[in-house]
N, C-alpha and C. Protein backbone atom coordinates (compact mmCIF):
# COMPACT_ATOMS: atom_id res chain seq x y z
N MET A 1 106.82 82.58 120.13
CA MET A 1 106.20 82.78 118.82
C MET A 1 104.69 82.59 118.92
N GLU A 2 103.95 83.62 118.54
CA GLU A 2 102.50 83.52 118.54
C GLU A 2 102.02 83.05 117.17
N ILE A 3 101.12 82.07 117.15
CA ILE A 3 100.55 81.55 115.91
C ILE A 3 99.11 82.04 115.82
N ILE A 4 98.78 82.70 114.72
CA ILE A 4 97.46 83.30 114.55
C ILE A 4 96.78 82.69 113.32
N PRO A 5 95.74 81.89 113.51
CA PRO A 5 95.00 81.38 112.35
C PRO A 5 94.37 82.53 111.56
N ALA A 6 94.33 82.39 110.25
CA ALA A 6 93.78 83.44 109.38
C ALA A 6 92.61 82.90 108.57
N ILE A 7 91.53 83.68 108.56
CA ILE A 7 90.33 83.30 107.81
C ILE A 7 90.07 84.36 106.75
N LEU A 8 89.91 83.92 105.51
CA LEU A 8 89.55 84.80 104.39
C LEU A 8 88.11 84.44 104.01
N PRO A 9 87.12 85.05 104.66
CA PRO A 9 85.76 84.50 104.62
C PRO A 9 84.90 84.97 103.45
N LYS A 10 84.32 84.01 102.76
CA LYS A 10 83.38 84.38 101.71
C LYS A 10 82.04 84.80 102.32
N ASP A 11 81.75 84.28 103.52
CA ASP A 11 80.53 84.66 104.22
C ASP A 11 80.72 84.39 105.70
N PHE A 12 79.73 84.78 106.50
CA PHE A 12 79.84 84.63 107.95
C PHE A 12 79.87 83.16 108.35
N ARG A 13 79.20 82.32 107.60
CA ARG A 13 79.19 80.89 107.90
C ARG A 13 80.60 80.31 107.88
N GLU A 14 81.43 80.78 106.96
CA GLU A 14 82.80 80.28 106.90
C GLU A 14 83.57 80.68 108.16
N ILE A 15 83.33 81.88 108.67
CA ILE A 15 83.97 82.28 109.93
C ILE A 15 83.54 81.33 111.04
N GLU A 16 82.24 81.08 111.13
CA GLU A 16 81.73 80.18 112.17
C GLU A 16 82.36 78.79 112.05
N ASP A 17 82.41 78.27 110.83
CA ASP A 17 82.93 76.92 110.62
C ASP A 17 84.41 76.83 111.00
N LYS A 18 85.19 77.81 110.59
CA LYS A 18 86.64 77.74 110.85
C LYS A 18 86.96 78.06 112.31
N ILE A 19 86.20 78.94 112.91
CA ILE A 19 86.40 79.20 114.33
C ILE A 19 86.14 77.92 115.13
N SER A 20 85.15 77.15 114.73
CA SER A 20 84.85 75.90 115.44
C SER A 20 86.03 74.93 115.38
N LEU A 21 86.86 75.05 114.34
CA LEU A 21 88.01 74.15 114.18
C LEU A 21 89.20 74.54 115.05
N VAL A 22 89.29 75.83 115.41
CA VAL A 22 90.43 76.29 116.21
C VAL A 22 90.03 76.71 117.62
N HIS A 23 88.73 76.60 117.92
CA HIS A 23 88.27 76.94 119.27
C HIS A 23 88.91 75.99 120.27
N GLY A 24 89.51 76.56 121.29
CA GLY A 24 90.18 75.75 122.30
C GLY A 24 91.67 75.62 122.11
N ILE A 25 92.18 76.00 120.92
CA ILE A 25 93.63 75.95 120.69
C ILE A 25 94.21 77.32 120.35
N ALA A 26 93.40 78.18 119.74
CA ALA A 26 93.88 79.52 119.38
C ALA A 26 93.19 80.56 120.26
N PHE A 27 93.95 81.58 120.63
CA PHE A 27 93.39 82.65 121.46
C PHE A 27 93.10 83.91 120.64
N VAL A 28 93.79 84.06 119.51
CA VAL A 28 93.58 85.19 118.60
C VAL A 28 93.44 84.64 117.19
N VAL A 29 92.45 85.12 116.46
CA VAL A 29 92.25 84.72 115.06
C VAL A 29 92.18 85.98 114.20
N GLN A 30 92.85 85.95 113.07
CA GLN A 30 92.78 87.07 112.12
C GLN A 30 91.70 86.80 111.08
N VAL A 31 90.86 87.80 110.87
CA VAL A 31 89.86 87.73 109.80
C VAL A 31 90.25 88.77 108.75
N ASP A 32 90.45 88.30 107.54
CA ASP A 32 90.85 89.19 106.44
C ASP A 32 89.60 89.82 105.83
N ILE A 33 89.59 91.14 105.79
CA ILE A 33 88.47 91.89 105.25
C ILE A 33 88.91 92.58 103.96
N CYS A 34 88.34 92.18 102.83
CA CYS A 34 88.74 92.69 101.52
C CYS A 34 87.54 93.32 100.82
N ASP A 35 87.73 94.53 100.29
CA ASP A 35 86.60 95.25 99.69
C ASP A 35 86.53 95.14 98.17
N GLY A 36 87.49 94.42 97.55
CA GLY A 36 87.49 94.31 96.10
C GLY A 36 88.06 95.52 95.40
N LYS A 37 88.55 96.49 96.15
CA LYS A 37 89.13 97.70 95.58
C LYS A 37 90.63 97.79 95.89
N PHE A 38 90.94 97.73 97.16
CA PHE A 38 92.36 97.75 97.54
C PHE A 38 93.06 96.49 97.05
N VAL A 39 92.36 95.36 97.16
CA VAL A 39 92.79 94.11 96.55
C VAL A 39 91.62 93.59 95.72
N SER A 40 91.90 92.69 94.79
CA SER A 40 90.83 92.27 93.88
C SER A 40 89.87 91.28 94.51
N SER A 41 90.28 90.61 95.58
CA SER A 41 89.37 89.67 96.23
C SER A 41 88.35 90.42 97.08
N ILE A 42 87.21 89.79 97.29
CA ILE A 42 86.12 90.39 98.08
C ILE A 42 85.69 89.37 99.13
N THR A 43 85.60 89.82 100.37
CA THR A 43 85.21 88.92 101.45
C THR A 43 83.98 89.47 102.18
N TRP A 44 83.48 88.67 103.12
CA TRP A 44 82.48 89.16 104.05
C TRP A 44 83.06 90.35 104.80
N PRO A 45 82.33 91.40 105.07
CA PRO A 45 80.91 91.61 104.76
C PRO A 45 80.67 92.31 103.43
N TYR A 46 81.73 92.45 102.59
CA TYR A 46 81.58 93.15 101.31
C TYR A 46 81.05 92.24 100.21
N LYS A 47 81.45 90.96 100.25
CA LYS A 47 81.12 90.07 99.13
C LYS A 47 79.64 89.77 99.05
N LYS A 48 79.06 89.50 100.19
CA LYS A 48 77.68 89.08 100.20
C LYS A 48 76.97 89.81 101.33
N GLN A 49 76.20 90.81 100.97
CA GLN A 49 75.51 91.58 101.99
C GLN A 49 74.47 90.71 102.69
N ASP A 50 74.61 90.58 103.99
CA ASP A 50 73.61 89.87 104.77
C ASP A 50 73.42 90.62 106.09
N ALA A 51 72.60 90.08 106.94
CA ALA A 51 72.23 90.80 108.15
C ALA A 51 73.24 90.62 109.28
N THR A 52 74.23 89.75 109.11
CA THR A 52 75.08 89.41 110.25
C THR A 52 75.93 90.58 110.71
N PHE A 53 76.54 91.33 109.79
CA PHE A 53 77.42 92.41 110.22
C PHE A 53 76.63 93.51 110.93
N GLU A 54 75.48 93.86 110.38
CA GLU A 54 74.64 94.87 111.04
C GLU A 54 74.17 94.38 112.40
N ALA A 55 73.88 93.10 112.51
CA ALA A 55 73.45 92.54 113.79
C ALA A 55 74.58 92.62 114.81
N ILE A 56 75.80 92.39 114.36
CA ILE A 56 76.96 92.50 115.25
C ILE A 56 77.14 93.94 115.72
N LEU A 57 76.99 94.89 114.80
CA LEU A 57 77.15 96.30 115.14
C LEU A 57 76.08 96.76 116.12
N LYS A 58 74.90 96.15 116.03
CA LYS A 58 73.80 96.51 116.93
C LYS A 58 73.84 95.71 118.23
N GLU A 59 74.89 94.87 118.35
CA GLU A 59 75.07 94.01 119.53
C GLU A 59 73.93 93.01 119.70
N GLU A 60 73.30 92.66 118.57
CA GLU A 60 72.29 91.61 118.57
C GLU A 60 72.94 90.23 118.37
N LYS A 61 74.18 90.27 117.91
CA LYS A 61 74.92 89.05 117.60
C LYS A 61 76.38 89.33 117.89
N GLY A 62 77.14 88.30 118.21
CA GLY A 62 78.56 88.46 118.42
C GLY A 62 79.37 87.65 117.43
N MET A 63 80.66 87.95 117.33
CA MET A 63 81.54 87.10 116.55
C MET A 63 81.58 85.72 117.20
N PRO A 64 81.77 84.68 116.41
CA PRO A 64 81.74 83.32 116.95
C PRO A 64 82.74 83.13 118.10
N GLU A 65 82.25 82.53 119.18
CA GLU A 65 83.07 82.21 120.36
C GLU A 65 83.83 83.43 120.88
N TRP A 66 83.20 84.59 120.82
CA TRP A 66 83.87 85.83 121.20
C TRP A 66 84.29 85.86 122.67
N GLU A 67 83.71 85.02 123.50
CA GLU A 67 84.10 84.99 124.91
C GLU A 67 85.45 84.30 125.11
N ASP A 68 85.85 83.46 124.14
CA ASP A 68 87.09 82.70 124.26
C ASP A 68 88.16 83.13 123.26
N ILE A 69 87.73 83.75 122.17
CA ILE A 69 88.66 84.09 121.09
C ILE A 69 88.64 85.59 120.84
N ASP A 70 89.83 86.17 120.74
CA ASP A 70 89.96 87.58 120.37
C ASP A 70 90.16 87.68 118.86
N TYR A 71 89.69 88.80 118.31
CA TYR A 71 89.72 88.96 116.86
C TYR A 71 90.66 90.09 116.44
N GLU A 72 91.42 89.77 115.40
CA GLU A 72 92.24 90.75 114.72
C GLU A 72 91.66 90.90 113.32
N PHE A 73 91.25 92.11 112.96
CA PHE A 73 90.70 92.35 111.63
C PHE A 73 91.75 93.01 110.76
N ASP A 74 92.10 92.32 109.68
CA ASP A 74 93.08 92.83 108.72
C ASP A 74 92.31 93.54 107.62
N LEU A 75 92.32 94.87 107.66
CA LEU A 75 91.46 95.66 106.77
C LEU A 75 92.16 95.98 105.46
N MET A 76 91.96 95.10 104.49
CA MET A 76 92.48 95.32 103.14
C MET A 76 91.40 96.06 102.34
N ILE A 77 91.20 97.32 102.74
CA ILE A 77 90.16 98.14 102.13
C ILE A 77 90.77 99.46 101.67
N SER A 78 90.22 100.00 100.61
CA SER A 78 90.74 101.23 100.02
C SER A 78 90.23 102.45 100.78
N ASP A 79 91.13 103.36 101.09
CA ASP A 79 90.78 104.62 101.76
C ASP A 79 89.89 104.39 102.98
N PRO A 80 90.38 103.65 103.97
CA PRO A 80 89.58 103.42 105.18
C PRO A 80 89.25 104.74 105.88
N THR A 81 88.10 104.76 106.53
CA THR A 81 87.62 105.98 107.17
C THR A 81 87.48 105.78 108.68
N PRO A 82 87.40 106.88 109.43
CA PRO A 82 87.13 106.75 110.87
C PRO A 82 85.86 105.97 111.16
N ASP A 83 84.84 106.12 110.31
CA ASP A 83 83.60 105.37 110.52
C ASP A 83 83.83 103.87 110.36
N ASP A 84 84.68 103.49 109.40
CA ASP A 84 85.05 102.08 109.26
C ASP A 84 85.68 101.57 110.56
N MET A 85 86.55 102.38 111.15
CA MET A 85 87.23 101.97 112.37
C MET A 85 86.23 101.76 113.50
N ARG A 86 85.26 102.66 113.61
CA ARG A 86 84.25 102.53 114.67
C ARG A 86 83.45 101.25 114.51
N LYS A 87 83.17 100.89 113.27
CA LYS A 87 82.41 99.66 113.03
C LYS A 87 83.19 98.43 113.48
N TRP A 88 84.47 98.37 113.14
CA TRP A 88 85.25 97.18 113.50
C TRP A 88 85.58 97.16 114.97
N LEU A 89 85.66 98.32 115.60
CA LEU A 89 85.75 98.35 117.06
C LEU A 89 84.49 97.78 117.68
N SER A 90 83.34 98.16 117.12
CA SER A 90 82.06 97.65 117.63
C SER A 90 81.94 96.15 117.43
N ALA A 91 82.62 95.63 116.42
CA ALA A 91 82.60 94.18 116.17
C ALA A 91 83.47 93.42 117.17
N GLY A 92 84.22 94.16 118.00
CA GLY A 92 84.98 93.53 119.07
C GLY A 92 86.45 93.30 118.76
N ALA A 93 87.07 94.21 118.01
CA ALA A 93 88.46 94.03 117.62
C ALA A 93 89.42 94.14 118.79
N LEU A 94 90.25 93.12 118.96
CA LEU A 94 91.41 93.23 119.85
C LEU A 94 92.52 93.99 119.13
N ARG A 95 92.65 93.69 117.83
CA ARG A 95 93.67 94.33 116.99
C ARG A 95 93.06 94.68 115.65
N ILE A 96 93.52 95.76 115.09
CA ILE A 96 93.12 96.14 113.73
C ILE A 96 94.39 96.43 112.94
N VAL A 97 94.47 95.80 111.77
CA VAL A 97 95.61 96.00 110.87
C VAL A 97 95.20 96.95 109.75
N LEU A 98 95.95 98.01 109.59
CA LEU A 98 95.78 98.94 108.49
C LEU A 98 96.94 98.78 107.52
N HIS A 99 96.67 98.91 106.24
CA HIS A 99 97.72 98.77 105.23
C HIS A 99 98.21 100.14 104.83
N VAL A 100 99.52 100.34 104.94
CA VAL A 100 100.09 101.67 104.71
C VAL A 100 99.81 102.16 103.30
N GLU A 101 99.66 101.24 102.35
CA GLU A 101 99.42 101.62 100.95
C GLU A 101 97.96 101.99 100.68
N SER A 102 97.07 101.76 101.64
CA SER A 102 95.63 101.92 101.41
C SER A 102 95.16 103.37 101.47
N SER A 103 96.00 104.25 102.02
CA SER A 103 95.60 105.65 102.17
C SER A 103 96.84 106.53 102.27
N ALA A 104 96.70 107.74 101.78
CA ALA A 104 97.81 108.70 101.90
C ALA A 104 97.96 109.19 103.33
N ASP A 105 96.90 109.10 104.11
CA ASP A 105 96.93 109.57 105.49
C ASP A 105 96.07 108.67 106.36
N LEU A 106 96.72 107.86 107.18
CA LEU A 106 96.00 106.94 108.06
C LEU A 106 95.74 107.53 109.45
N PHE A 107 96.22 108.73 109.71
CA PHE A 107 96.06 109.31 111.04
C PHE A 107 94.60 109.49 111.46
N PRO A 108 93.68 109.88 110.58
CA PRO A 108 92.27 109.95 111.03
C PRO A 108 91.76 108.62 111.58
N CYS A 109 92.17 107.51 110.96
CA CYS A 109 91.78 106.19 111.45
C CYS A 109 92.51 105.85 112.74
N ILE A 110 93.80 106.11 112.76
CA ILE A 110 94.61 105.81 113.94
C ILE A 110 94.11 106.58 115.15
N ASN A 111 93.71 107.83 114.95
CA ASN A 111 93.22 108.64 116.06
C ASN A 111 91.96 108.06 116.69
N VAL A 112 91.13 107.42 115.89
CA VAL A 112 89.92 106.77 116.42
C VAL A 112 90.28 105.53 117.23
N LEU A 113 91.30 104.82 116.78
CA LEU A 113 91.67 103.54 117.39
C LEU A 113 92.54 103.67 118.63
N ASN A 114 93.27 104.76 118.73
CA ASN A 114 94.24 104.92 119.82
C ASN A 114 93.61 104.71 121.19
N GLY A 115 94.21 103.81 121.96
CA GLY A 115 93.75 103.55 123.30
C GLY A 115 92.60 102.56 123.38
N LEU A 116 92.04 102.17 122.24
CA LEU A 116 90.88 101.28 122.22
C LEU A 116 91.21 99.90 121.68
N THR A 117 92.25 99.79 120.90
CA THR A 117 92.66 98.51 120.33
C THR A 117 94.13 98.59 119.96
N GLU A 118 94.74 97.44 119.75
CA GLU A 118 96.11 97.42 119.24
C GLU A 118 96.06 97.73 117.74
N ILE A 119 97.01 98.53 117.29
CA ILE A 119 97.04 98.95 115.88
C ILE A 119 98.25 98.33 115.20
N GLY A 120 97.98 97.56 114.15
CA GLY A 120 99.06 97.01 113.34
C GLY A 120 99.14 97.75 112.02
N LEU A 121 100.34 97.91 111.52
CA LEU A 121 100.54 98.56 110.22
C LEU A 121 101.18 97.56 109.27
N ALA A 122 100.48 97.25 108.19
CA ALA A 122 100.96 96.25 107.23
C ALA A 122 101.69 96.92 106.07
N LEU A 123 102.76 96.25 105.61
CA LEU A 123 103.53 96.71 104.46
C LEU A 123 103.60 95.59 103.44
N ASN A 124 103.32 95.92 102.18
CA ASN A 124 103.51 94.98 101.09
C ASN A 124 104.99 94.69 100.89
N ILE A 125 105.28 93.61 100.22
CA ILE A 125 106.66 93.15 100.07
C ILE A 125 107.54 94.19 99.38
N GLN A 126 106.97 94.99 98.48
CA GLN A 126 107.76 95.96 97.74
C GLN A 126 107.82 97.33 98.41
N THR A 127 107.07 97.52 99.50
CA THR A 127 107.03 98.82 100.17
C THR A 127 108.22 98.97 101.10
N PRO A 128 108.99 100.06 100.97
CA PRO A 128 110.15 100.25 101.84
C PRO A 128 109.75 100.42 103.29
N ILE A 129 110.61 99.98 104.20
CA ILE A 129 110.27 100.03 105.62
C ILE A 129 110.14 101.46 106.13
N ASP A 130 110.75 102.40 105.43
CA ASP A 130 110.64 103.81 105.85
C ASP A 130 109.20 104.31 105.79
N ALA A 131 108.32 103.58 105.13
CA ALA A 131 106.93 104.00 105.01
C ALA A 131 106.23 104.07 106.37
N ILE A 132 106.78 103.39 107.37
CA ILE A 132 106.13 103.42 108.69
C ILE A 132 106.60 104.60 109.54
N GLU A 133 107.60 105.33 109.07
CA GLU A 133 108.28 106.33 109.90
C GLU A 133 107.31 107.30 110.57
N LYS A 134 106.39 107.86 109.80
CA LYS A 134 105.51 108.88 110.38
C LYS A 134 104.47 108.29 111.33
N TYR A 135 104.27 106.97 111.24
CA TYR A 135 103.25 106.32 112.09
C TYR A 135 103.85 105.57 113.27
N LYS A 136 105.16 105.44 113.35
CA LYS A 136 105.78 104.50 114.29
C LYS A 136 105.40 104.75 115.75
N ALA A 137 105.17 106.00 116.11
CA ALA A 137 104.83 106.29 117.51
C ALA A 137 103.38 105.96 117.84
N SER A 138 102.58 105.67 116.81
CA SER A 138 101.14 105.48 117.02
C SER A 138 100.70 104.03 116.85
N ILE A 139 101.61 103.14 116.50
CA ILE A 139 101.22 101.76 116.21
C ILE A 139 101.77 100.79 117.24
N SER A 140 101.16 99.62 117.30
CA SER A 140 101.55 98.60 118.29
C SER A 140 102.50 97.56 117.69
N TYR A 141 102.38 97.31 116.39
CA TYR A 141 103.21 96.29 115.76
C TYR A 141 103.18 96.47 114.24
N ILE A 142 104.08 95.76 113.59
CA ILE A 142 104.21 95.77 112.13
C ILE A 142 103.76 94.42 111.58
N GLN A 143 103.03 94.44 110.47
CA GLN A 143 102.72 93.21 109.75
C GLN A 143 103.38 93.28 108.38
N LEU A 144 104.35 92.42 108.17
CA LEU A 144 105.01 92.34 106.87
C LEU A 144 104.35 91.24 106.05
N MET A 145 104.00 91.57 104.82
CA MET A 145 103.38 90.58 103.93
C MET A 145 104.48 89.71 103.33
N GLY A 146 104.28 88.40 103.45
CA GLY A 146 105.28 87.46 102.96
C GLY A 146 105.00 86.94 101.56
N ILE A 147 104.05 87.58 100.88
CA ILE A 147 103.66 87.18 99.53
C ILE A 147 103.54 88.43 98.66
N THR A 148 103.56 88.23 97.37
CA THR A 148 103.45 89.36 96.44
C THR A 148 102.00 89.75 96.21
N ARG A 149 101.13 88.76 96.05
CA ARG A 149 99.72 89.01 95.75
C ARG A 149 98.89 88.85 97.02
N ILE A 150 98.56 89.95 97.65
CA ILE A 150 97.84 89.87 98.91
C ILE A 150 96.33 89.76 98.66
N GLY A 151 95.62 89.29 99.71
CA GLY A 151 94.18 89.11 99.59
C GLY A 151 93.78 87.74 99.11
N PHE A 152 94.76 86.85 98.98
CA PHE A 152 94.52 85.48 98.53
C PHE A 152 95.37 84.54 99.38
N GLN A 153 94.80 83.40 99.78
CA GLN A 153 95.56 82.42 100.53
C GLN A 153 96.20 81.42 99.58
N GLY A 154 97.22 80.75 100.09
CA GLY A 154 97.90 79.73 99.31
C GLY A 154 98.90 80.29 98.31
N GLN A 155 99.30 81.55 98.48
CA GLN A 155 100.25 82.17 97.57
C GLN A 155 101.69 81.77 97.91
N ALA A 156 102.56 81.82 96.90
CA ALA A 156 103.95 81.42 97.09
C ALA A 156 104.68 82.41 98.01
N PHE A 157 105.52 81.87 98.87
CA PHE A 157 106.33 82.66 99.79
C PHE A 157 107.34 83.49 99.01
N ASP A 158 107.48 84.75 99.40
CA ASP A 158 108.46 85.64 98.78
C ASP A 158 109.63 85.80 99.75
N PRO A 159 110.79 85.22 99.45
CA PRO A 159 111.91 85.24 100.40
C PRO A 159 112.48 86.63 100.69
N ARG A 160 112.08 87.62 99.91
CA ARG A 160 112.57 88.98 100.18
C ARG A 160 112.13 89.47 101.56
N VAL A 161 111.08 88.86 102.10
CA VAL A 161 110.58 89.30 103.40
C VAL A 161 111.60 89.00 104.51
N LEU A 162 112.46 88.01 104.32
CA LEU A 162 113.43 87.65 105.35
C LEU A 162 114.40 88.80 105.63
N GLN A 163 114.92 89.39 104.59
CA GLN A 163 115.81 90.54 104.78
C GLN A 163 115.04 91.74 105.31
N LYS A 164 113.80 91.85 104.90
CA LYS A 164 112.97 92.95 105.36
C LYS A 164 112.73 92.86 106.87
N ILE A 165 112.53 91.65 107.37
CA ILE A 165 112.38 91.46 108.81
C ILE A 165 113.64 91.93 109.53
N LYS A 166 114.78 91.52 109.03
CA LYS A 166 116.06 91.89 109.66
C LYS A 166 116.24 93.40 109.66
N ASP A 167 115.93 94.02 108.52
CA ASP A 167 116.07 95.48 108.43
C ASP A 167 115.11 96.19 109.38
N MET A 168 113.89 95.67 109.45
CA MET A 168 112.89 96.26 110.34
C MET A 168 113.31 96.12 111.80
N LYS A 169 113.84 94.95 112.14
CA LYS A 169 114.27 94.68 113.51
C LYS A 169 115.41 95.61 113.90
N GLU A 170 116.29 95.86 112.94
CA GLU A 170 117.44 96.72 113.23
C GLU A 170 117.02 98.19 113.40
N LYS A 171 116.09 98.63 112.57
CA LYS A 171 115.70 100.04 112.60
C LYS A 171 114.66 100.33 113.67
N TYR A 172 113.74 99.38 113.89
CA TYR A 172 112.66 99.58 114.87
C TYR A 172 112.63 98.40 115.85
N PRO A 173 113.64 98.28 116.69
CA PRO A 173 113.78 97.08 117.53
C PRO A 173 112.65 96.88 118.53
N ASP A 174 111.91 97.92 118.85
CA ASP A 174 110.86 97.80 119.86
C ASP A 174 109.50 97.42 119.29
N LEU A 175 109.39 97.36 117.97
CA LEU A 175 108.10 97.03 117.35
C LEU A 175 108.02 95.53 117.04
N PRO A 176 107.05 94.81 117.62
CA PRO A 176 106.88 93.41 117.25
C PRO A 176 106.59 93.27 115.75
N ILE A 177 107.05 92.18 115.17
CA ILE A 177 106.88 91.94 113.74
C ILE A 177 106.03 90.69 113.53
N GLN A 178 104.97 90.87 112.77
CA GLN A 178 104.04 89.80 112.43
C GLN A 178 104.15 89.54 110.93
N ILE A 179 104.16 88.26 110.55
CA ILE A 179 104.27 87.90 109.14
C ILE A 179 102.96 87.29 108.67
N ASP A 180 102.46 87.77 107.56
CA ASP A 180 101.20 87.28 106.99
C ASP A 180 101.43 86.91 105.54
N GLY A 181 101.18 85.64 105.23
CA GLY A 181 101.32 85.19 103.85
C GLY A 181 102.55 84.32 103.65
N GLY A 182 102.34 83.15 103.08
CA GLY A 182 103.46 82.27 102.76
C GLY A 182 104.02 81.51 103.95
N VAL A 183 103.31 81.53 105.07
CA VAL A 183 103.81 80.84 106.26
C VAL A 183 103.48 79.35 106.16
N SER A 184 104.51 78.54 106.29
CA SER A 184 104.37 77.08 106.22
C SER A 184 105.44 76.47 107.11
N PHE A 185 105.43 75.14 107.23
CA PHE A 185 106.49 74.49 107.99
C PHE A 185 107.86 74.76 107.37
N ALA A 186 107.89 74.95 106.05
CA ALA A 186 109.16 75.17 105.35
C ALA A 186 109.71 76.57 105.61
N THR A 187 108.83 77.53 105.93
CA THR A 187 109.29 78.91 106.07
C THR A 187 109.25 79.43 107.51
N ALA A 188 108.50 78.77 108.39
CA ALA A 188 108.31 79.30 109.75
C ALA A 188 109.62 79.46 110.50
N GLY A 189 110.50 78.47 110.42
CA GLY A 189 111.78 78.56 111.11
C GLY A 189 112.63 79.70 110.59
N GLN A 190 112.63 79.89 109.28
CA GLN A 190 113.39 80.99 108.68
C GLN A 190 112.87 82.34 109.16
N LEU A 191 111.55 82.45 109.25
CA LEU A 191 110.93 83.70 109.67
C LEU A 191 111.25 83.99 111.13
N GLU A 192 111.21 82.96 111.96
CA GLU A 192 111.55 83.16 113.37
C GLU A 192 113.02 83.55 113.53
N ASN A 193 113.89 82.88 112.81
CA ASN A 193 115.32 83.18 112.89
C ASN A 193 115.64 84.59 112.42
N ALA A 194 114.84 85.08 111.46
CA ALA A 194 115.06 86.44 110.96
C ALA A 194 114.59 87.49 111.96
N GLY A 195 113.71 87.08 112.91
CA GLY A 195 113.28 88.03 113.93
C GLY A 195 111.79 88.22 114.06
N ALA A 196 110.98 87.41 113.37
CA ALA A 196 109.52 87.54 113.46
C ALA A 196 109.03 87.13 114.84
N ASN A 197 108.01 87.82 115.34
CA ASN A 197 107.42 87.52 116.65
C ASN A 197 106.10 86.77 116.56
N ARG A 198 105.38 86.97 115.43
CA ARG A 198 104.08 86.32 115.25
C ARG A 198 103.97 85.81 113.81
N LEU A 199 103.29 84.69 113.66
CA LEU A 199 103.07 84.13 112.33
C LEU A 199 101.57 83.96 112.11
N VAL A 200 101.08 84.51 111.01
CA VAL A 200 99.68 84.37 110.62
C VAL A 200 99.60 83.21 109.63
N VAL A 201 98.81 82.20 109.96
CA VAL A 201 98.77 80.97 109.16
C VAL A 201 97.36 80.73 108.64
N GLY A 202 97.24 80.64 107.32
CA GLY A 202 95.93 80.41 106.71
C GLY A 202 95.81 79.02 106.12
N SER A 203 96.14 78.89 104.84
CA SER A 203 95.93 77.62 104.14
C SER A 203 96.76 76.48 104.72
N ALA A 204 97.96 76.76 105.21
CA ALA A 204 98.80 75.70 105.78
C ALA A 204 98.15 75.07 107.00
N LEU A 205 97.27 75.81 107.65
CA LEU A 205 96.56 75.28 108.81
C LEU A 205 95.24 74.65 108.42
N PHE A 206 94.38 75.43 107.74
CA PHE A 206 93.02 74.97 107.48
C PHE A 206 92.93 73.91 106.38
N GLU A 207 93.97 73.76 105.58
CA GLU A 207 93.97 72.72 104.56
C GLU A 207 94.73 71.47 105.01
N SER A 208 95.16 71.47 106.27
CA SER A 208 95.89 70.31 106.78
C SER A 208 94.91 69.20 107.19
N ASP A 209 95.42 68.00 107.33
CA ASP A 209 94.58 66.86 107.69
C ASP A 209 94.17 66.89 109.16
N ASN A 210 95.03 67.46 110.00
CA ASN A 210 94.76 67.51 111.44
C ASN A 210 95.11 68.91 111.94
N ILE A 211 94.10 69.74 112.11
CA ILE A 211 94.32 71.14 112.45
C ILE A 211 94.96 71.30 113.81
N VAL A 212 94.54 70.51 114.79
CA VAL A 212 95.10 70.62 116.13
C VAL A 212 96.59 70.28 116.11
N ASP A 213 96.95 69.18 115.48
CA ASP A 213 98.36 68.78 115.40
C ASP A 213 99.17 69.81 114.63
N THR A 214 98.61 70.31 113.54
CA THR A 214 99.33 71.30 112.72
C THR A 214 99.56 72.58 113.51
N PHE A 215 98.54 73.04 114.22
CA PHE A 215 98.70 74.25 115.04
C PHE A 215 99.79 74.04 116.09
N ASN A 216 99.76 72.92 116.77
CA ASN A 216 100.75 72.65 117.81
C ASN A 216 102.16 72.55 117.25
N LYS A 217 102.30 71.98 116.04
CA LYS A 217 103.63 71.90 115.41
C LYS A 217 104.16 73.28 115.07
N PHE A 218 103.29 74.16 114.58
CA PHE A 218 103.72 75.54 114.33
C PHE A 218 104.15 76.20 115.64
N TRP A 219 103.36 76.00 116.67
CA TRP A 219 103.63 76.63 117.94
C TRP A 219 104.96 76.17 118.53
N GLN A 220 105.35 74.93 118.21
CA GLN A 220 106.60 74.37 118.77
C GLN A 220 107.84 74.73 117.97
N ILE A 221 107.65 75.35 116.82
CA ILE A 221 108.81 75.70 115.97
C ILE A 221 109.70 76.72 116.69
């Protein structure tokens, strides 16, 4: 079971601060990118325009601890474009998550990413698993949302995701399944038993009293 810390950043400083807390224990970190359109929350680099994102794109600056930590960018943005994909590739993405509900046609984005990064396809809790059918040959893994209201941390776990994992595993046995949202000590075991391969952990990790111990406990589940 892979444990992936999740950051929902109001600004670049928050990324730096939280990366410093998991540096040395996590190898991959997810950064949630929200444009305020696909979801109502807004994060860096949309929330507060500053020079950091442009500096990263110009290779004048890197993501924090980029030599030790790989980044997965979860793009909760409306109608993502190939140019968006090029920017996040330039930011050093190991993985990029696209949300199937964000566009009627994700192939222009997928075509840019193919061979350059791992591609994850996210599905909201109410979206049927058949929604991945046309993309299944082009993606690396599935991200199932374990909450109803995405783009916010600390949301209540939606148990419907457990059956969805089982259905996904039965229909697409070769696709790894990642769960984002509602992951806690109370739900992690259930998610693993249902067939999840990766758990994305946000508030349960960063709001804990001891991040190192909490990360290790998740990892040992």
